[in-house]
Amino acid sequence: MSRPTSQSPLKIGVLIGSVRPGRFADKVSQWFVSEIGRRDDMETHVIDLSEPALADELKLTLERSPAPDGDPDAAPTLAERIGGLDGFVVVTPEYNHGYPASLKLAIDYVYREWRAKPVGFVSYGGMAGGQRAVEQLRQVFAELHAVTLRDTVSFHMAWEQFDDEGRPHDTDGTSKAASVLLDQLAWWGLTLREGRAARPYDG
């Protein structure tokens, strides 16, 4: 496999934290993925915790049995997917002043693969816009030696912020907020990728 260069697009994982039926996360995440798609310095890798393979791996559902060890058709594990990425954006709702249990389970399921990588946040909820969930997640990722970005994208009273087609009503404002977050993610993603290549992080 060729070694990434400073010109190689950053591999960015968009981690969708909600697994509830009828979740609002689909609108938010689809919009954000489209914002990443405007850039040529990043490629998007969606990690949806409701995917059957991931749900089974994390024991969120019992709908299917795990693939046998060594099965060439088995989906990559969550750790393998996280390990192959340069940075992340977590799309999270706020449930009862916190973030979903499914998201905590997924974060804790992986360990070293998070290290020395940047993590940004897109949150949504009621009056707080998911910011209380984000503040808790910052503490969790700090413990995992990840680097969280200062600026976030948040949707207050989120169900009022999108039209029926999944587009934000405030197109300019939301795109600007996404651009700020992604610019920070690009800087940290490139810097940390080069740092890991020069000197593996063993903190």
Protein backbone atom coordinates (compact mmCIF):
# COMPACT_ATOMS: atom_id res chain seq x y z
CA MET A 1 0.00 0.00 0.00
CA SER A 2 1.39 3.40 -0.95
CA ARG A 3 2.27 5.79 1.81
CA PRO A 4 0.01 8.86 2.06
CA THR A 5 1.61 12.14 1.06
CA SER A 6 0.73 15.71 1.95
CA GLN A 7 -1.19 15.78 -1.34
CA SER A 8 -3.20 12.64 -0.60
CA PRO A 9 -6.81 13.35 0.40
CA LEU A 10 -7.48 12.88 4.09
CA LYS A 11 -9.67 9.90 4.86
CA ILE A 12 -12.40 11.30 7.08
CA GLY A 13 -14.83 9.10 8.96
CA VAL A 14 -18.31 10.47 9.60
CA LEU A 15 -19.52 8.51 12.63
CA ILE A 16 -23.31 8.50 13.00
CA GLY A 17 -24.01 7.94 16.67
CA SER A 18 -27.77 7.42 16.79
CA VAL A 19 -29.35 4.04 16.07
CA ARG A 20 -32.95 4.93 16.88
CA PRO A 21 -35.64 4.09 14.31
CA GLY A 22 -36.78 7.23 12.53
CA ARG A 23 -33.69 9.09 13.71
CA PHE A 24 -33.06 12.68 12.66
CA ALA A 25 -29.37 11.85 12.21
CA ASP A 26 -29.92 10.88 8.59
CA LYS A 27 -30.79 14.44 7.54
CA VAL A 28 -27.92 15.95 9.49
CA SER A 29 -25.30 13.45 8.37
CA GLN A 30 -26.35 13.50 4.70
CA TRP A 31 -26.09 17.28 4.67
CA PHE A 32 -22.66 17.20 6.29
CA VAL A 33 -21.36 14.51 3.92
CA SER A 34 -22.42 16.74 1.03
CA GLU A 35 -20.40 19.59 2.57
CA ILE A 36 -17.29 17.40 2.68
CA GLY A 37 -17.99 16.48 -0.94
CA ARG A 38 -17.34 20.08 -1.96
CA ARG A 39 -13.68 19.68 -1.03
CA ASP A 40 -10.87 17.96 -2.90
CA ASP A 41 -8.63 17.47 0.14
CA MET A 42 -10.89 14.92 1.85
CA GLU A 43 -12.69 11.70 1.09
CA THR A 44 -15.65 10.58 3.15
CA HIS A 45 -16.10 7.24 4.88
CA VAL A 46 -19.46 6.95 6.63
CA ILE A 47 -19.55 4.76 9.74
CA ASP A 48 -23.21 4.23 10.56
CA LEU A 49 -23.68 2.37 13.83
CA SER A 50 -27.04 1.11 12.60
CA GLU A 51 -25.37 -0.88 9.80
CA PRO A 52 -26.20 -4.56 10.37
CA ALA A 53 -22.56 -5.65 10.47
CA LEU A 54 -21.57 -2.98 12.98
CA ALA A 55 -24.73 -3.42 15.02
CA ASP A 56 -23.98 -7.12 15.27
CA GLU A 57 -20.33 -6.56 16.11
CA LEU A 58 -21.26 -4.17 18.89
CA LYS A 59 -24.11 -6.41 20.06
CA LEU A 60 -26.66 -3.67 19.48
CA THR A 61 -28.94 -6.17 17.72
CA LEU A 62 -29.12 -9.94 17.42
CA GLU A 63 -30.48 -10.00 13.88
CA ARG A 64 -27.55 -11.89 12.36
CA SER A 65 -24.69 -14.06 13.52
CA PRO A 66 -21.06 -12.94 13.34
CA ALA A 67 -19.14 -14.03 10.26
CA PRO A 68 -16.70 -16.89 10.91
CA ASP A 69 -13.10 -15.93 11.55
CA GLY A 70 -11.19 -15.63 8.32
CA ASP A 71 -14.32 -15.25 6.16
CA PRO A 72 -13.11 -13.29 3.10
CA ASP A 73 -16.58 -11.80 2.69
CA ALA A 74 -16.76 -10.54 6.26
CA ALA A 75 -17.11 -6.79 6.66
CA PRO A 76 -14.10 -4.95 8.11
CA THR A 77 -14.29 -4.63 11.86
CA LEU A 78 -14.92 -1.27 13.47
CA ALA A 79 -11.32 -1.14 14.71
CA GLU A 80 -10.04 -1.78 11.18
CA ARG A 81 -12.23 0.95 9.77
CA ILE A 82 -11.23 3.47 12.45
CA GLY A 83 -7.57 2.52 12.13
CA GLY A 84 -7.52 3.27 8.41
CA LEU A 85 -8.82 6.83 8.76
CA ASP A 86 -7.04 10.14 9.29
CA GLY A 87 -9.74 11.97 11.24
CA PHE A 88 -13.36 11.91 12.28
CA VAL A 89 -16.53 13.91 12.62
CA VAL A 90 -19.03 12.56 15.11
CA VAL A 91 -22.68 13.29 14.34
CA THR A 92 -24.49 13.08 17.67
CA PRO A 93 -27.87 13.94 19.12
CA GLU A 94 -28.35 14.92 22.72
CA TYR A 95 -30.42 12.52 24.80
CA ASN A 96 -31.20 13.59 28.37
CA HIS A 97 -28.19 15.94 28.61
CA GLY A 98 -25.86 13.33 27.13
CA TYR A 99 -24.91 11.34 24.04
CA PRO A 100 -26.30 7.95 22.95
CA ALA A 101 -25.27 4.73 24.64
CA SER A 102 -24.60 3.25 21.19
CA LEU A 103 -21.96 5.91 20.59
CA LYS A 104 -20.25 5.27 23.93
CA LEU A 105 -20.16 1.56 23.20
CA ALA A 106 -18.59 2.14 19.79
CA ILE A 107 -15.97 4.56 21.11
CA ASP A 108 -14.97 2.21 23.93
CA TYR A 109 -14.90 -0.80 21.60
CA VAL A 110 -11.87 0.75 19.87
CA TYR A 111 -8.79 2.10 21.64
CA ARG A 112 -5.42 2.66 20.01
CA GLU A 113 -6.97 3.42 16.63
CA TRP A 114 -8.27 6.78 17.93
CA ARG A 115 -4.87 7.99 19.10
CA ALA A 116 -3.27 11.13 17.66
CA LYS A 117 -6.16 11.78 15.29
CA PRO A 118 -8.49 14.80 15.13
CA VAL A 119 -12.17 14.57 16.04
CA GLY A 120 -14.82 17.15 15.18
CA PHE A 121 -18.47 17.28 16.15
CA VAL A 122 -21.79 17.97 14.46
CA SER A 123 -24.55 17.95 17.05
CA TYR A 124 -28.28 18.44 17.10
CA GLY A 125 -31.02 18.59 19.67
CA GLY A 126 -33.40 20.97 21.39
CA MET A 127 -32.50 24.31 22.90
CA ALA A 128 -28.91 23.24 23.62
CA GLY A 129 -28.30 21.97 20.10
CA GLY A 130 -26.49 18.90 21.38
CA GLN A 131 -23.68 20.92 22.96
CA ARG A 132 -23.93 19.12 26.30
CA ALA A 133 -23.35 15.85 24.49
CA VAL A 134 -20.33 17.34 22.75
CA GLU A 135 -18.76 18.56 26.00
CA GLN A 136 -19.00 15.06 27.44
CA LEU A 137 -17.52 13.55 24.29
CA ARG A 138 -14.54 15.89 24.48
CA GLN A 139 -13.59 14.35 27.82
CA VAL A 140 -13.92 10.83 26.46
CA PHE A 141 -11.77 11.49 23.40
CA ALA A 142 -9.14 13.30 25.46
CA GLU A 143 -8.74 10.12 27.50
CA LEU A 144 -8.18 8.25 24.23
CA HIS A 145 -5.39 10.66 23.18
CA ALA A 146 -7.44 12.08 20.31
CA VAL A 147 -7.42 15.80 19.46
CA THR A 148 -10.85 17.44 19.50
CA LEU A 149 -11.53 20.52 17.39
CA ARG A 150 -12.56 23.77 19.02
CA ASP A 151 -15.33 24.77 16.62
CA THR A 152 -18.43 22.66 16.13
CA VAL A 153 -21.58 22.66 14.04
CA SER A 154 -24.76 22.51 16.10
CA PHE A 155 -28.44 22.60 15.26
CA HIS A 156 -30.72 24.02 17.93
CA MET A 157 -34.32 22.81 17.66
CA ALA A 158 -32.97 20.74 14.80
CA TRP A 159 -36.29 19.55 13.40
CA GLU A 160 -37.11 23.19 12.58
CA GLN A 161 -33.81 23.81 10.78
CA PHE A 162 -34.24 21.54 7.73
CA ASP A 163 -36.72 21.42 4.86
CA ASP A 164 -38.46 18.28 3.63
CA GLU A 165 -35.57 17.56 1.25
CA GLY A 166 -33.02 17.57 4.07
CA ARG A 167 -31.56 20.98 3.28
CA PRO A 168 -30.88 23.50 6.06
CA HIS A 169 -33.02 26.63 5.86
CA ASP A 170 -29.94 28.73 6.64
CA THR A 171 -27.83 27.41 3.80
CA ASP A 172 -25.14 30.08 3.98
CA GLY A 173 -24.76 30.02 7.76
CA THR A 174 -24.55 26.26 8.03
CA SER A 175 -22.12 25.96 5.12
CA LYS A 176 -19.88 28.58 6.71
CA ALA A 177 -19.91 26.73 10.04
CA ALA A 178 -19.11 23.46 8.27
CA SER A 179 -16.27 25.11 6.37
CA VAL A 180 -14.68 26.39 9.59
CA LEU A 181 -14.85 22.94 11.16
CA LEU A 182 -13.49 21.23 8.05
CA ASP A 183 -10.64 23.71 7.67
CA GLN A 184 -9.56 22.91 11.22
CA LEU A 185 -9.98 19.20 10.55
CA ALA A 186 -7.82 19.47 7.43
CA TRP A 187 -5.01 21.24 9.30
CA TRP A 188 -4.98 18.83 12.21
CA GLY A 189 -5.56 15.82 10.00
CA LEU A 190 -2.57 16.57 7.80
CA THR A 191 -0.33 17.61 10.69
CA LEU A 192 -1.10 14.54 12.77
CA ARG A 193 -0.89 12.18 9.81
CA GLU A 194 2.59 13.43 9.02
CA GLY A 195 3.49 13.27 12.71
CA ARG A 196 2.37 9.65 13.05
CA ALA A 197 4.34 8.74 9.94
CA ALA A 198 7.50 10.41 11.24
CA ARG A 199 7.19 9.14 14.80
CA PRO A 200 4.52 6.65 15.90
CA TYR A 201 2.50 7.92 18.84
CA ASP A 202 2.90 5.80 21.96
CA GLY A 203 1.58 8.24 24.57
